[in-house]
PDB file of N, CA and C in Angstrom:
ATOM      1  N   MET A   1       6.527  18.090   1.125  1.00  0.00           N
ATOM      2  CA  MET A   1       5.759  19.168   0.573  1.00  0.00           C
ATOM      3  C   MET A   1       4.427  19.005   1.203  1.00  0.00           C
ATOM      4  N   GLN A   2       3.849  20.107   1.804  1.00  0.00           N
ATOM      5  CA  GLN A   2       2.460  20.057   2.316  1.00  0.00           C
ATOM      6  C   GLN A   2       1.717  21.160   1.813  1.00  0.00           C
ATOM      7  N   GLU A   3       0.479  20.809   1.390  1.00  0.00           N
ATOM      8  CA  GLU A   3      -0.414  21.843   0.720  1.00  0.00           C
ATOM      9  C   GLU A   3      -1.764  21.988   1.615  1.00  0.00           C
ATOM     10  N   LEU A   4      -2.151  23.141   1.488  1.00  0.00           N
ATOM     11  CA  LEU A   4      -3.518  23.479   2.061  1.00  0.00           C
ATOM     12  C   LEU A   4      -4.108  24.355   1.151  1.00  0.00           C
ATOM     13  N   ASN A   5      -5.438  24.083   0.571  1.00  0.00           N
ATOM     14  CA  ASN A   5      -6.043  24.904  -0.346  1.00  0.00           C
ATOM     15  C   ASN A   5      -7.552  24.979  -0.176  1.00  0.00           C
ATOM     16  N   ALA A   6      -8.109  25.941  -0.799  1.00  0.00           N
ATOM     17  CA  ALA A   6      -9.624  26.150  -0.550  1.00  0.00           C
ATOM     18  C   ALA A   6     -10.107  26.929  -1.639  1.00  0.00           C
ATOM     19  N   THR A   7     -11.409  26.563  -1.958  1.00  0.00           N
ATOM     20  CA  THR A   7     -12.192  27.514  -2.945  1.00  0.00           C
ATOM     21  C   THR A   7     -13.424  28.073  -2.148  1.00  0.00           C
ATOM     22  N   ASP A   8     -13.570  29.191  -2.317  1.00  0.00           N
ATOM     23  CA  ASP A   8     -14.748  29.838  -1.756  1.00  0.00           C
ATOM     24  C   ASP A   8     -14.681  29.658  -0.048  1.00  0.00           C
ATOM     25  N   PHE A   9     -13.602  29.884   0.428  1.00  0.00           N
ATOM     26  CA  PHE A   9     -13.358  29.495   1.844  1.00  0.00           C
ATOM     27  C   PHE A   9     -14.199  30.389   2.726  1.00  0.00           C
ATOM     28  N   PRO A  10     -14.360  31.816   2.333  1.00  0.00           N
ATOM     29  CA  PRO A  10     -15.250  32.522   3.322  1.00  0.00           C
ATOM     30  C   PRO A  10     -16.622  32.061   3.416  1.00  0.00           C
ATOM     31  N   GLU A  11     -17.180  31.487   2.387  1.00  0.00           N
ATOM     32  CA  GLU A  11     -18.533  30.879   2.451  1.00  0.00           C
ATOM     33  C   GLU A  11     -18.677  29.538   2.855  1.00  0.00           C
ATOM     34  N   LEU A  12     -17.758  28.707   2.405  1.00  0.00           N
ATOM     35  CA  LEU A  12     -17.848  27.185   2.685  1.00  0.00           C
ATOM     36  C   LEU A  12     -16.968  26.833   3.906  1.00  0.00           C
ATOM     37  N   ARG A  13     -15.979  27.511   4.376  1.00  0.00           N
ATOM     38  CA  ARG A  13     -15.143  27.219   5.563  1.00  0.00           C
ATOM     39  C   ARG A  13     -14.653  25.759   5.446  1.00  0.00           C
ATOM     40  N   ARG A  14     -14.322  25.263   4.159  1.00  0.00           N
ATOM     41  CA  ARG A  14     -13.781  24.036   3.918  1.00  0.00           C
ATOM     42  C   ARG A  14     -12.346  24.114   3.278  1.00  0.00           C
ATOM     43  N   VAL A  15     -11.440  23.262   3.753  1.00  0.00           N
ATOM     44  CA  VAL A  15      -9.912  23.206   3.203  1.00  0.00           C
ATOM     45  C   VAL A  15      -9.833  21.755   2.742  1.00  0.00           C
ATOM     46  N   HIS A  16      -8.675  21.617   1.867  1.00  0.00           N
ATOM     47  CA  HIS A  16      -8.400  20.452   1.313  1.00  0.00           C
ATOM     48  C   HIS A  16      -6.881  20.286   1.702  1.00  0.00           C
ATOM     49  N   SER A  17      -6.244  19.300   2.150  1.00  0.00           N
ATOM     50  CA  SER A  17      -4.812  19.061   2.364  1.00  0.00           C
ATOM     51  C   SER A  17      -4.274  18.041   1.602  1.00  0.00           C
ATOM     52  N   GLY A  18      -3.033  18.192   1.159  1.00  0.00           N
ATOM     53  CA  GLY A  18      -2.308  17.025   0.445  1.00  0.00           C
ATOM     54  C   GLY A  18      -0.922  17.132   0.919  1.00  0.00           C
ATOM     55  N   SER A  19      -0.335  16.100   0.757  1.00  0.00           N
ATOM     56  CA  SER A  19       1.208  16.040   1.181  1.00  0.00           C
ATOM     57  C   SER A  19       1.955  15.029   0.432  1.00  0.00           C
ATOM     58  N   TRP A  20       3.214  15.193   0.367  1.00  0.00           N
ATOM     59  CA  TRP A  20       4.094  14.211  -0.126  1.00  0.00           C
ATOM     60  C   TRP A  20       5.452  14.298   0.622  1.00  0.00           C
ATOM     61  N   LEU A  21       6.001  13.104   1.012  1.00  0.00           N
ATOM     62  CA  LEU A  21       7.211  13.141   1.804  1.00  0.00           C
ATOM     63  C   LEU A  21       7.990  12.007   1.045  1.00  0.00           C
ATOM     64  N   GLY A  22       9.265  12.390   0.833  1.00  0.00           N
ATOM     65  CA  GLY A  22      10.306  11.408   0.233  1.00  0.00           C
ATOM     66  C   GLY A  22      10.333  10.235   1.117  1.00  0.00           C
ATOM     67  N   ARG A  23      10.589   9.099   0.464  1.00  0.00           N
ATOM     68  CA  ARG A  23      10.699   7.788   1.152  1.00  0.00           C
ATOM     69  C   ARG A  23      11.612   7.688   2.235  1.00  0.00           C
ATOM     70  N   ALA A  24      12.770   8.512   2.061  1.00  0.00           N
ATOM     71  CA  ALA A  24      13.794   8.417   2.961  1.00  0.00           C
ATOM     72  C   ALA A  24      13.439   9.011   4.318  1.00  0.00           C
ATOM     73  N   HIS A  25      12.375   9.849   4.273  1.00  0.00           N
ATOM     74  CA  HIS A  25      11.907  10.607   5.565  1.00  0.00           C
ATOM     75  C   HIS A  25      10.702  10.034   6.129  1.00  0.00           C
ATOM     76  N   GLN A  26      10.038   8.945   5.336  1.00  0.00           N
ATOM     77  CA  GLN A  26       8.781   8.484   5.879  1.00  0.00           C
ATOM     78  C   GLN A  26       9.009   7.395   7.106  1.00  0.00           C
ATOM     79  N   GLY A  27       8.010   7.163   7.956  1.00  0.00           N
ATOM     80  CA  GLY A  27       8.080   6.452   9.093  1.00  0.00           C
ATOM     81  C   GLY A  27       8.597   7.003  10.394  1.00  0.00           C
ATOM     82  N   ARG A  28       8.979   8.324  10.388  1.00  0.00           N
ATOM     83  CA  ARG A  28       9.348   8.989  11.465  1.00  0.00           C
ATOM     84  C   ARG A  28       8.365   9.986  12.109  1.00  0.00           C
ATOM     85  N   GLY A  29       7.098  10.032  11.611  1.00  0.00           N
ATOM     86  CA  GLY A  29       6.254  10.785  12.317  1.00  0.00           C
ATOM     87  C   GLY A  29       6.171  12.229  11.577  1.00  0.00           C
ATOM     88  N   LEU A  30       7.044  12.427  10.699  1.00  0.00           N
ATOM     89  CA  LEU A  30       7.098  13.782   9.906  1.00  0.00           C
ATOM     90  C   LEU A  30       5.757  14.054   9.258  1.00  0.00           C
ATOM     91  N   GLY A  31       5.217  13.066   8.498  1.00  0.00           N
ATOM     92  CA  GLY A  31       4.043  13.320   7.793  1.00  0.00           C
ATOM     93  C   GLY A  31       2.795  13.693   8.669  1.00  0.00           C
ATOM     94  N   LYS A  32       2.774  12.905   9.679  1.00  0.00           N
ATOM     95  CA  LYS A  32       1.646  13.453  10.619  1.00  0.00           C
ATOM     96  C   LYS A  32       1.851  14.702  11.249  1.00  0.00           C
ATOM     97  N   GLU A  33       3.206  15.029  11.538  1.00  0.00           N
ATOM     98  CA  GLU A  33       3.380  16.401  12.154  1.00  0.00           C
ATOM     99  C   GLU A  33       3.035  17.490  11.107  1.00  0.00           C
ATOM    100  N   MET A  34       3.415  17.242   9.794  1.00  0.00           N
ATOM    101  CA  MET A  34       3.194  18.205   8.652  1.00  0.00           C
ATOM    102  C   MET A  34       1.632  18.379   8.608  1.00  0.00           C
ATOM    103  N   ARG A  35       0.790  17.290   8.650  1.00  0.00           N
ATOM    104  CA  ARG A  35      -0.536  17.526   8.420  1.00  0.00           C
ATOM    105  C   ARG A  35      -1.087  18.195   9.602  1.00  0.00           C
ATOM    106  N   ALA A  36      -0.681  17.710  10.908  1.00  0.00           N
ATOM    107  CA  ALA A  36      -1.326  18.412  12.025  1.00  0.00           C
ATOM    108  C   ALA A  36      -1.039  19.937  12.080  1.00  0.00           C
ATOM    109  N   THR A  37       0.076  20.306  11.610  1.00  0.00           N
ATOM    110  CA  THR A  37       0.441  21.773  11.520  1.00  0.00           C
ATOM    111  C   THR A  37      -0.585  22.547  10.627  1.00  0.00           C
ATOM    112  N   VAL A  38      -0.819  21.875   9.383  1.00  0.00           N
ATOM    113  CA  VAL A  38      -1.757  22.790   8.490  1.00  0.00           C
ATOM    114  C   VAL A  38      -3.273  22.706   9.006  1.00  0.00           C
ATOM    115  N   LEU A  39      -3.539  21.531   9.680  1.00  0.00           N
ATOM    116  CA  LEU A  39      -4.925  21.390  10.438  1.00  0.00           C
ATOM    117  C   LEU A  39      -5.043  22.372  11.258  1.00  0.00           C
ATOM    118  N   HIS A  40      -3.996  22.688  12.232  1.00  0.00           N
ATOM    119  CA  HIS A  40      -4.079  23.585  13.230  1.00  0.00           C
ATOM    120  C   HIS A  40      -4.295  25.084  12.731  1.00  0.00           C
ATOM    121  N   LEU A  41      -3.487  25.222  11.566  1.00  0.00           N
ATOM    122  CA  LEU A  41      -3.594  26.585  10.796  1.00  0.00           C
ATOM    123  C   LEU A  41      -5.176  26.652  10.388  1.00  0.00           C
ATOM    124  N   ALA A  42      -5.728  25.649   9.614  1.00  0.00           N
ATOM    125  CA  ALA A  42      -6.969  25.641   9.128  1.00  0.00           C
ATOM    126  C   ALA A  42      -8.106  25.880  10.209  1.00  0.00           C
ATOM    127  N   PHE A  43      -8.121  25.039  11.235  1.00  0.00           N
ATOM    128  CA  PHE A  43      -9.130  25.133  12.254  1.00  0.00           C
ATOM    129  C   PHE A  43      -8.945  26.215  13.354  1.00  0.00           C
ATOM    130  N   ASP A  44      -7.811  26.302  13.818  1.00  0.00           N
ATOM    131  CA  ASP A  44      -7.630  27.170  14.975  1.00  0.00           C
ATOM    132  C   ASP A  44      -7.367  28.630  14.556  1.00  0.00           C
ATOM    133  N   ALA A  45      -6.647  28.881  13.441  1.00  0.00           N
ATOM    134  CA  ALA A  45      -6.319  30.244  12.976  1.00  0.00           C
ATOM    135  C   ALA A  45      -7.283  30.827  11.900  1.00  0.00           C
ATOM    136  N   LEU A  46      -7.698  29.940  10.954  1.00  0.00           N
ATOM    137  CA  LEU A  46      -8.462  30.404   9.830  1.00  0.00           C
ATOM    138  C   LEU A  46     -10.083  30.287  10.079  1.00  0.00           C
ATOM    139  N   GLY A  47     -10.330  29.360  11.034  1.00  0.00           N
ATOM    140  CA  GLY A  47     -11.775  28.973  11.326  1.00  0.00           C
ATOM    141  C   GLY A  47     -12.416  28.140  10.328  1.00  0.00           C
ATOM    142  N   ALA A  48     -11.701  27.156   9.861  1.00  0.00           N
ATOM    143  CA  ALA A  48     -12.318  26.200   9.063  1.00  0.00           C
ATOM    144  C   ALA A  48     -13.366  25.261   9.793  1.00  0.00           C
ATOM    145  N   GLU A  49     -14.408  24.924   9.136  1.00  0.00           N
ATOM    146  CA  GLU A  49     -15.427  23.890   9.674  1.00  0.00           C
ATOM    147  C   GLU A  49     -15.261  22.585   9.229  1.00  0.00           C
ATOM    148  N   GLU A  50     -14.516  22.428   8.202  1.00  0.00           N
ATOM    149  CA  GLU A  50     -14.138  20.906   7.800  1.00  0.00           C
ATOM    150  C   GLU A  50     -12.858  20.881   6.935  1.00  0.00           C
ATOM    151  N   ALA A  51     -12.286  19.743   6.923  1.00  0.00           N
ATOM    152  CA  ALA A  51     -11.042  19.552   6.132  1.00  0.00           C
ATOM    153  C   ALA A  51     -11.213  18.239   5.310  1.00  0.00           C
ATOM    154  N   HIS A  52     -10.667  18.083   4.194  1.00  0.00           N
ATOM    155  CA  HIS A  52     -10.815  17.001   3.320  1.00  0.00           C
ATOM    156  C   HIS A  52      -9.397  16.664   2.716  1.00  0.00           C
ATOM    157  N   THR A  53      -9.119  15.327   2.619  1.00  0.00           N
ATOM    158  CA  THR A  53      -8.018  14.881   2.013  1.00  0.00           C
ATOM    159  C   THR A  53      -8.289  13.545   1.319  1.00  0.00           C
ATOM    160  N   ASP A  54      -7.220  12.970   0.599  1.00  0.00           N
ATOM    161  CA  ASP A  54      -7.510  11.868  -0.260  1.00  0.00           C
ATOM    162  C   ASP A  54      -6.219  10.914  -0.259  1.00  0.00           C
ATOM    163  N   ALA A  55      -6.433   9.747  -0.618  1.00  0.00           N
ATOM    164  CA  ALA A  55      -5.241   8.690  -0.610  1.00  0.00           C
ATOM    165  C   ALA A  55      -5.539   7.684  -1.465  1.00  0.00           C
ATOM    166  N   TRP A  56      -4.704   7.195  -2.332  1.00  0.00           N
ATOM    167  CA  TRP A  56      -4.943   6.070  -3.227  1.00  0.00           C
ATOM    168  C   TRP A  56      -5.214   4.830  -2.347  1.00  0.00           C
ATOM    169  N   HIS A  57      -6.039   4.018  -2.780  1.00  0.00           N
ATOM    170  CA  HIS A  57      -6.445   2.819  -1.886  1.00  0.00           C
ATOM    171  C   HIS A  57      -5.287   1.977  -1.353  1.00  0.00           C
ATOM    172  N   ASP A  58      -4.142   1.923  -1.997  1.00  0.00           N
ATOM    173  CA  ASP A  58      -3.159   1.094  -1.622  1.00  0.00           C
ATOM    174  C   ASP A  58      -2.035   1.915  -0.777  1.00  0.00           C
ATOM    175  N   ASN A  59      -2.279   3.202  -0.468  1.00  0.00           N
ATOM    176  CA  ASN A  59      -1.354   3.946   0.237  1.00  0.00           C
ATOM    177  C   ASN A  59      -1.602   3.917   1.735  1.00  0.00           C
ATOM    178  N   LEU A  60      -1.338   2.804   2.336  1.00  0.00           N
ATOM    179  CA  LEU A  60      -1.771   2.651   3.791  1.00  0.00           C
ATOM    180  C   LEU A  60      -1.089   3.663   4.755  1.00  0.00           C
ATOM    181  N   ALA A  61       0.083   4.068   4.453  1.00  0.00           N
ATOM    182  CA  ALA A  61       0.705   4.946   5.296  1.00  0.00           C
ATOM    183  C   ALA A  61      -0.032   6.427   5.269  1.00  0.00           C
ATOM    184  N   SER A  62      -0.323   6.834   4.054  1.00  0.00           N
ATOM    185  CA  SER A  62      -1.095   8.141   3.977  1.00  0.00           C
ATOM    186  C   SER A  62      -2.495   8.069   4.643  1.00  0.00           C
ATOM    187  N   ALA A  63      -3.173   6.937   4.420  1.00  0.00           N
ATOM    188  CA  ALA A  63      -4.486   6.608   5.025  1.00  0.00           C
ATOM    189  C   ALA A  63      -4.304   6.573   6.594  1.00  0.00           C
ATOM    190  N   GLY A  64      -3.284   6.088   7.009  1.00  0.00           N
ATOM    191  CA  GLY A  64      -3.000   5.939   8.552  1.00  0.00           C
ATOM    192  C   GLY A  64      -2.881   7.276   9.235  1.00  0.00           C
ATOM    193  N   VAL A  65      -2.045   8.209   8.533  1.00  0.00           N
ATOM    194  CA  VAL A  65      -1.810   9.602   8.960  1.00  0.00           C
ATOM    195  C   VAL A  65      -3.144  10.193   9.156  1.00  0.00           C
ATOM    196  N   SER A  66      -4.067  10.007   8.088  1.00  0.00           N
ATOM    197  CA  SER A  66      -5.224  10.820   8.044  1.00  0.00           C
ATOM    198  C   SER A  66      -6.205  10.344   9.127  1.00  0.00           C
ATOM    199  N   THR A  67      -6.353   8.999   9.290  1.00  0.00           N
ATOM    200  CA  THR A  67      -7.296   8.513  10.256  1.00  0.00           C
ATOM    201  C   THR A  67      -6.669   8.759  11.752  1.00  0.00           C
ATOM    202  N   ALA A  68      -5.410   8.658  11.927  1.00  0.00           N
ATOM    203  CA  ALA A  68      -4.735   8.991  13.197  1.00  0.00           C
ATOM    204  C   ALA A  68      -5.089  10.438  13.808  1.00  0.00           C
ATOM    205  N   LEU A  69      -5.224  11.366  12.786  1.00  0.00           N
ATOM    206  CA  LEU A  69      -5.470  12.703  13.077  1.00  0.00           C
ATOM    207  C   LEU A  69      -6.995  13.045  13.207  1.00  0.00           C
ATOM    208  N   GLY A  70      -7.864  12.054  12.871  1.00  0.00           N
ATOM    209  CA  GLY A  70      -9.268  12.195  13.040  1.00  0.00           C
ATOM    210  C   GLY A  70     -10.135  12.311  11.877  1.00  0.00           C
ATOM    211  N   TYR A  71      -9.468  12.116  10.728  1.00  0.00           N
ATOM    212  CA  TYR A  71     -10.287  12.137   9.357  1.00  0.00           C
ATOM    213  C   TYR A  71     -11.122  10.837   9.611  1.00  0.00           C
ATOM    214  N   ARG A  72     -12.283  10.925   8.781  1.00  0.00           N
ATOM    215  CA  ARG A  72     -13.077   9.708   8.597  1.00  0.00           C
ATOM    216  C   ARG A  72     -13.404   9.420   7.157  1.00  0.00           C
ATOM    217  N   ALA A  73     -13.420   8.161   6.730  1.00  0.00           N
ATOM    218  CA  ALA A  73     -13.716   7.709   5.357  1.00  0.00           C
ATOM    219  C   ALA A  73     -14.931   8.458   4.918  1.00  0.00           C
ATOM    220  N   ASN A  74     -14.916   8.916   3.677  1.00  0.00           N
ATOM    221  CA  ASN A  74     -15.864   9.705   3.121  1.00  0.00           C
ATOM    222  C   ASN A  74     -16.135   9.401   1.665  1.00  0.00           C
ATOM    223  N   GLY A  75     -16.000   8.095   1.328  1.00  0.00           N
ATOM    224  CA  GLY A  75     -16.386   7.590  -0.096  1.00  0.00           C
ATOM    225  C   GLY A  75     -15.026   7.441  -0.903  1.00  0.00           C
ATOM    226  N   GLU A  76     -15.363   7.116  -2.086  1.00  0.00           N
ATOM    227  CA  GLU A  76     -14.153   6.968  -2.977  1.00  0.00           C
ATOM    228  C   GLU A  76     -14.677   7.285  -4.431  1.00  0.00           C
ATOM    229  N   ARG A  77     -13.640   7.558  -5.382  1.00  0.00           N
ATOM    230  CA  ARG A  77     -13.849   7.839  -6.719  1.00  0.00           C
ATOM    231  C   ARG A  77     -12.752   7.207  -7.713  1.00  0.00           C
ATOM    232  N   ARG A  78     -13.140   7.092  -8.850  1.00  0.00           N
ATOM    233  CA  ARG A  78     -12.216   6.417  -9.811  1.00  0.00           C
ATOM    234  C   ARG A  78     -11.468   7.622 -10.512  1.00  0.00           C
ATOM    235  N   LEU A  79     -10.063   7.514 -10.492  1.00  0.00           N
ATOM    236  CA  LEU A  79      -9.258   8.374 -11.320  1.00  0.00           C
ATOM    237  C   LEU A  79      -8.268   7.729 -12.093  1.00  0.00           C
ATOM    238  N   LEU A  80      -7.747   8.553 -13.028  1.00  0.00           N
ATOM    239  CA  LEU A  80      -6.546   7.900 -13.761  1.00  0.00           C
ATOM    240  C   LEU A  80      -5.285   7.972 -12.955  1.00  0.00           C
ATOM    241  N   ARG A  81      -4.624   6.962 -12.936  1.00  0.00           N
ATOM    242  CA  ARG A  81      -3.243   6.918 -12.227  1.00  0.00           C
ATOM    243  C   ARG A  81      -2.363   6.102 -13.205  1.00  0.00           C
ATOM    244  N   ARG A  82      -1.375   6.784 -13.547  1.00  0.00           N
ATOM    245  CA  ARG A  82      -0.379   6.363 -14.679  1.00  0.00           C
ATOM    246  C   ARG A  82      -1.134   5.743 -15.754  1.00  0.00           C
ATOM    247  N   GLY A  83      -2.161   6.367 -16.180  1.00  0.00           N
ATOM    248  CA  GLY A  83      -2.882   6.058 -17.413  1.00  0.00           C
ATOM    249  C   GLY A  83      -3.890   5.029 -17.208  1.00  0.00           C
ATOM    250  N   ARG A  84      -4.259   4.514 -16.110  1.00  0.00           N
ATOM    251  CA  ARG A  84      -5.220   3.452 -15.741  1.00  0.00           C
ATOM    252  C   ARG A  84      -6.178   3.900 -14.688  1.00  0.00           C
ATOM    253  N   ALA A  85      -7.293   3.402 -14.758  1.00  0.00           N
ATOM    254  CA  ALA A  85      -8.365   3.773 -13.690  1.00  0.00           C
ATOM    255  C   ALA A  85      -7.968   3.179 -12.413  1.00  0.00           C
ATOM    256  N   ASP A  86      -8.146   3.903 -11.210  1.00  0.00           N
ATOM    257  CA  ASP A  86      -7.715   3.315  -9.940  1.00  0.00           C
ATOM    258  C   ASP A  86      -8.639   4.003  -8.935  1.00  0.00           C
ATOM    259  N   ARG A  87      -8.626   3.518  -7.731  1.00  0.00           N
ATOM    260  CA  ARG A  87      -9.440   4.110  -6.636  1.00  0.00           C
ATOM    261  C   ARG A  87      -8.786   4.993  -5.769  1.00  0.00           C
ATOM    262  N   MET A  88      -9.390   6.187  -5.651  1.00  0.00           N
ATOM    263  CA  MET A  88      -8.918   7.262  -4.796  1.00  0.00           C
ATOM    264  C   MET A  88      -9.932   7.340  -3.505  1.00  0.00           C
ATOM    265  N   LEU A  89      -9.563   7.121  -2.360  1.00  0.00           N
ATOM    266  CA  LEU A  89     -10.322   7.116  -1.200  1.00  0.00           C
ATOM    267  C   LEU A  89     -10.397   8.555  -0.577  1.00  0.00           C
ATOM    268  N   ALA A  90     -11.524   9.123  -0.248  1.00  0.00           N
ATOM    269  CA  ALA A  90     -11.746  10.370   0.245  1.00  0.00           C
ATOM    270  C   ALA A  90     -11.893  10.237   1.759  1.00  0.00           C
ATOM    271  N   TYR A  91     -11.395  11.454   2.447  1.00  0.00           N
ATOM    272  CA  TYR A  91     -11.459  11.511   3.975  1.00  0.00           C
ATOM    273  C   TYR A  91     -11.988  12.771   4.334  1.00  0.00           C
ATOM    274  N   ARG A  92     -12.792  12.911   5.372  1.00  0.00           N
ATOM    275  CA  ARG A  92     -13.247  14.292   5.717  1.00  0.00           C
ATOM    276  C   ARG A  92     -13.155  14.285   7.314  1.00  0.00           C
ATOM    277  N   MET A  93     -12.727  15.629   7.766  1.00  0.00           N
ATOM    278  CA  MET A  93     -12.785  15.758   9.240  1.00  0.00           C
ATOM    279  C   MET A  93     -13.590  17.079   9.520  1.00  0.00           C
ATOM    280  N   ALA A  94     -14.450  17.002  10.502  1.00  0.00           N
ATOM    281  CA  ALA A  94     -15.223  18.128  11.032  1.00  0.00           C
ATOM    282  C   ALA A  94     -14.418  18.797  12.008  1.00  0.00           C
ATOM    283  N   ARG A  95     -14.696  20.005  12.228  1.00  0.00           N
ATOM    284  CA  ARG A  95     -13.991  20.781  13.176  1.00  0.00           C
ATOM    285  C   ARG A  95     -14.083  20.220  14.646  1.00  0.00           C
ATOM    286  N   ALA A  96     -15.150  19.550  15.053  1.00  0.00           N
ATOM    287  CA  ALA A  96     -15.229  18.872  16.285  1.00  0.00           C
ATOM    288  C   ALA A  96     -14.350  17.728  16.331  1.00  0.00           C
ATOM    289  N   ASP A  97     -14.114  16.989  15.252  1.00  0.00           N
ATOM    290  CA  ASP A  97     -13.251  15.769  15.209  1.00  0.00           C
ATOM    291  C   ASP A  97     -11.651  16.309  15.446  1.00  0.00           C
ATOM    292  N   TRP A  98     -11.374  17.440  14.943  1.00  0.00           N
ATOM    293  CA  TRP A  98     -10.064  18.090  15.248  1.00  0.00           C
ATOM    294  C   TRP A  98      -9.920  18.351  16.609  1.00  0.00           C
ATOM    295  N   GLY A  99     -10.887  18.926  17.339  1.00  0.00           N
ATOM    296  CA  GLY A  99     -10.819  19.249  18.795  1.00  0.00           C
ATOM    297  C   GLY A  99     -10.534  17.887  19.536  1.00  0.00           C
ATOM    298  N   ALA A 100     -11.060  16.888  19.082  1.00  0.00           N
ATOM    299  CA  ALA A 100     -11.036  15.606  19.838  1.00  0.00           C
ATOM    300  C   ALA A 100      -9.592  14.958  19.527  1.00  0.00           C
ATOM    301  N   ALA A 101      -9.063  15.147  18.431  1.00  0.00           N
ATOM    302  CA  ALA A 101      -7.882  14.415  17.950  1.00  0.00           C
ATOM    303  C   ALA A 101      -6.557  15.193  18.062  1.00  0.00           C
ATOM    304  N   ALA A 102      -6.767  16.670  18.255  1.00  0.00           N
ATOM    305  CA  ALA A 102      -5.688  17.558  18.253  1.00  0.00           C
ATOM    306  C   ALA A 102      -4.614  17.157  19.188  1.00  0.00           C
ATOM    307  N   PRO A 103      -3.294  17.132  18.664  1.00  0.00           N
ATOM    308  CA  PRO A 103      -2.146  16.674  19.560  1.00  0.00           C
ATOM    309  C   PRO A 103      -2.047  17.830  20.536  1.00  0.00           C
ATOM    310  N   GLY A 104      -1.512  17.512  21.779  1.00  0.00           N
ATOM    311  CA  GLY A 104      -1.052  18.492  22.719  1.00  0.00           C
ATOM    312  C   GLY A 104      -2.010  18.710  23.703  1.00  0.00           C
TER     313      GLY A 104
END
């Protein structure tokens, strides 16, 4: 599952992406390909200026996909996870970072 959403996009030019990939399909580059596809849509087709995403602090695979594509750490916040407080890491990518990291 790959998600791309935005609020007030015409004014802010900012998107947020999220994804989920079943364990049996992880580790084959599919997550990175999924994210690169929606980033291409956001930056190249829709004219986004920045993209945001998040990952739990212990989800190294998700964080790895984000940083490999050009996202940079952008802070953290505490959220509930299974009823307990936990750390969610935030990542941001500027349009110029996408141009430098874009595949192909």
